[in-house]
Amino acid sequence: MVNYAPILALLEQIISDRTVPKNIRAAAESSKQVLSTGESEELKISTAVHTLDEVANDPNIPVYTRTHIWNLVSMLEQARRELK
């Protein structure tokens, strides 16, 4: 079982930050919802990584938010490795 608490906390921080563009906050919200579903762990992690990876390349994203997203992707990839 994967502990999503630190991942969800960081996603919530991005969602509640009003300086982050709407599309980035929407992607964070989408990832948070995916991680909270009853799907398989592998599917949840892969979907969240894909969603976050897409927005990490947005030119309008603040630098500190991009760093948070990279950290989230790293945490999710580590969780995926632990599942195997």
C-alpha atoms as a PDB file:
ATOM      1  CA  MET A   1       0.000   0.000   0.000  1.00  0.00           C
ATOM      2  CA  VAL A   2       1.327   3.402  -0.977  1.00  0.00           C
ATOM      3  CA  ASN A   3       1.293   6.284   1.496  1.00  0.00           C
ATOM      4  CA  TYR A   4      -0.130   9.175  -0.518  1.00  0.00           C
ATOM      5  CA  ALA A   5      -0.285  11.650   2.405  1.00  0.00           C
ATOM      6  CA  PRO A   6       2.840  13.691   1.499  1.00  0.00           C
ATOM      7  CA  ILE A   7       1.895  13.649  -2.189  1.00  0.00           C
ATOM      8  CA  LEU A   8      -1.663  14.794  -1.497  1.00  0.00           C
ATOM      9  CA  ALA A   9      -0.399  17.520   0.851  1.00  0.00           C
ATOM     10  CA  LEU A  10       1.896  18.922  -1.839  1.00  0.00           C
ATOM     11  CA  LEU A  11      -0.891  18.740  -4.424  1.00  0.00           C
ATOM     12  CA  GLU A  12      -3.178  20.615  -2.032  1.00  0.00           C
ATOM     13  CA  GLN A  13      -0.509  23.285  -1.614  1.00  0.00           C
ATOM     14  CA  ILE A  14      -0.412  23.805  -5.396  1.00  0.00           C
ATOM     15  CA  ILE A  15      -4.221  23.806  -5.651  1.00  0.00           C
ATOM     16  CA  SER A  16      -4.609  26.458  -2.960  1.00  0.00           C
ATOM     17  CA  ASP A  17      -1.856  28.753  -4.315  1.00  0.00           C
ATOM     18  CA  ARG A  18      -3.615  31.565  -6.195  1.00  0.00           C
ATOM     19  CA  THR A  19      -0.393  32.606  -7.973  1.00  0.00           C
ATOM     20  CA  VAL A  20      -0.414  29.313  -9.897  1.00  0.00           C
ATOM     21  CA  PRO A  21      -2.227  29.442 -13.273  1.00  0.00           C
ATOM     22  CA  LYS A  22      -5.678  27.837 -13.409  1.00  0.00           C
ATOM     23  CA  ASN A  23      -4.687  25.038 -15.788  1.00  0.00           C
ATOM     24  CA  ILE A  24      -1.873  23.957 -13.458  1.00  0.00           C
ATOM     25  CA  ARG A  25      -4.203  23.991 -10.437  1.00  0.00           C
ATOM     26  CA  ALA A  26      -6.747  21.979 -12.465  1.00  0.00           C
ATOM     27  CA  ALA A  27      -4.099  19.367 -13.306  1.00  0.00           C
ATOM     28  CA  ALA A  28      -3.114  19.151  -9.633  1.00  0.00           C
ATOM     29  CA  GLU A  29      -6.778  18.737  -8.664  1.00  0.00           C
ATOM     30  CA  SER A  30      -7.211  16.046 -11.315  1.00  0.00           C
ATOM     31  CA  SER A  31      -4.150  14.182 -10.026  1.00  0.00           C
ATOM     32  CA  LYS A  32      -5.428  14.431  -6.463  1.00  0.00           C
ATOM     33  CA  GLN A  33      -8.792  12.974  -7.478  1.00  0.00           C
ATOM     34  CA  VAL A  34      -7.139  10.146  -9.425  1.00  0.00           C
ATOM     35  CA  LEU A  35      -4.975   9.204  -6.445  1.00  0.00           C
ATOM     36  CA  SER A  36      -8.083   9.087  -4.238  1.00  0.00           C
ATOM     37  CA  THR A  37      -9.991   6.627  -6.445  1.00  0.00           C
ATOM     38  CA  GLY A  38     -10.307   2.893  -5.966  1.00  0.00           C
ATOM     39  CA  GLU A  39      -8.370   1.994  -9.114  1.00  0.00           C
ATOM     40  CA  SER A  40      -5.222  -0.121  -9.069  1.00  0.00           C
ATOM     41  CA  GLU A  41      -2.169   1.548  -7.553  1.00  0.00           C
ATOM     42  CA  GLU A  42      -0.178   1.263 -10.792  1.00  0.00           C
ATOM     43  CA  LEU A  43      -2.937   2.906 -12.834  1.00  0.00           C
ATOM     44  CA  LYS A  44      -3.410   5.748 -10.339  1.00  0.00           C
ATOM     45  CA  ILE A  45       0.303   6.512 -10.223  1.00  0.00           C
ATOM     46  CA  SER A  46       0.750   6.339 -14.006  1.00  0.00           C
ATOM     47  CA  THR A  47      -2.209   8.634 -14.636  1.00  0.00           C
ATOM     48  CA  ALA A  48      -1.039  11.193 -12.076  1.00  0.00           C
ATOM     49  CA  VAL A  49       2.531  11.166 -13.435  1.00  0.00           C
ATOM     50  CA  HIS A  50       1.280  11.668 -16.984  1.00  0.00           C
ATOM     51  CA  THR A  51      -0.973  14.576 -15.970  1.00  0.00           C
ATOM     52  CA  LEU A  52       1.723  16.311 -13.933  1.00  0.00           C
ATOM     53  CA  ASP A  53       4.415  15.731 -16.542  1.00  0.00           C
ATOM     54  CA  GLU A  54       2.289  17.478 -19.175  1.00  0.00           C
ATOM     55  CA  VAL A  55       1.899  20.665 -17.123  1.00  0.00           C
ATOM     56  CA  ALA A  56       5.525  20.732 -15.952  1.00  0.00           C
ATOM     57  CA  ASN A  57       6.487  21.984 -19.417  1.00  0.00           C
ATOM     58  CA  ASP A  58       3.992  24.862 -19.417  1.00  0.00           C
ATOM     59  CA  PRO A  59       5.891  28.134 -20.034  1.00  0.00           C
ATOM     60  CA  ASN A  60       3.572  30.065 -17.671  1.00  0.00           C
ATOM     61  CA  ILE A  61       4.268  27.916 -14.628  1.00  0.00           C
ATOM     62  CA  PRO A  62       6.146  29.619 -11.765  1.00  0.00           C
ATOM     63  CA  VAL A  63       9.607  28.160 -11.149  1.00  0.00           C
ATOM     64  CA  TYR A  64       8.830  27.070  -7.577  1.00  0.00           C
ATOM     65  CA  THR A  65       5.668  25.295  -8.768  1.00  0.00           C
ATOM     66  CA  ARG A  66       7.623  23.486 -11.491  1.00  0.00           C
ATOM     67  CA  THR A  67      10.011  22.297  -8.763  1.00  0.00           C
ATOM     68  CA  HIS A  68       7.054  21.057  -6.677  1.00  0.00           C
ATOM     69  CA  ILE A  69       5.705  19.167  -9.687  1.00  0.00           C
ATOM     70  CA  TRP A  70       9.087  17.558 -10.370  1.00  0.00           C
ATOM     71  CA  ASN A  71       9.220  16.517  -6.710  1.00  0.00           C
ATOM     72  CA  LEU A  72       5.720  15.044  -6.989  1.00  0.00           C
ATOM     73  CA  VAL A  73       6.671  13.085 -10.106  1.00  0.00           C
ATOM     74  CA  SER A  74       9.778  11.759  -8.332  1.00  0.00           C
ATOM     75  CA  MET A  75       7.728  10.716  -5.302  1.00  0.00           C
ATOM     76  CA  LEU A  76       5.177   8.969  -7.518  1.00  0.00           C
ATOM     77  CA  GLU A  77       7.870   7.172  -9.521  1.00  0.00           C
ATOM     78  CA  GLN A  78       9.473   6.005  -6.275  1.00  0.00           C
ATOM     79  CA  ALA A  79       6.083   4.687  -5.133  1.00  0.00           C
ATOM     80  CA  ARG A  80       5.717   2.847  -8.453  1.00  0.00           C
ATOM     81  CA  ARG A  81       9.135   1.205  -7.993  1.00  0.00           C
ATOM     82  CA  GLU A  82       8.156   0.104  -4.483  1.00  0.00           C
ATOM     83  CA  LEU A  83       5.063  -1.649  -5.860  1.00  0.00           C
ATOM     84  CA  LYS A  84       7.154  -4.024  -7.962  1.00  0.00           C
END
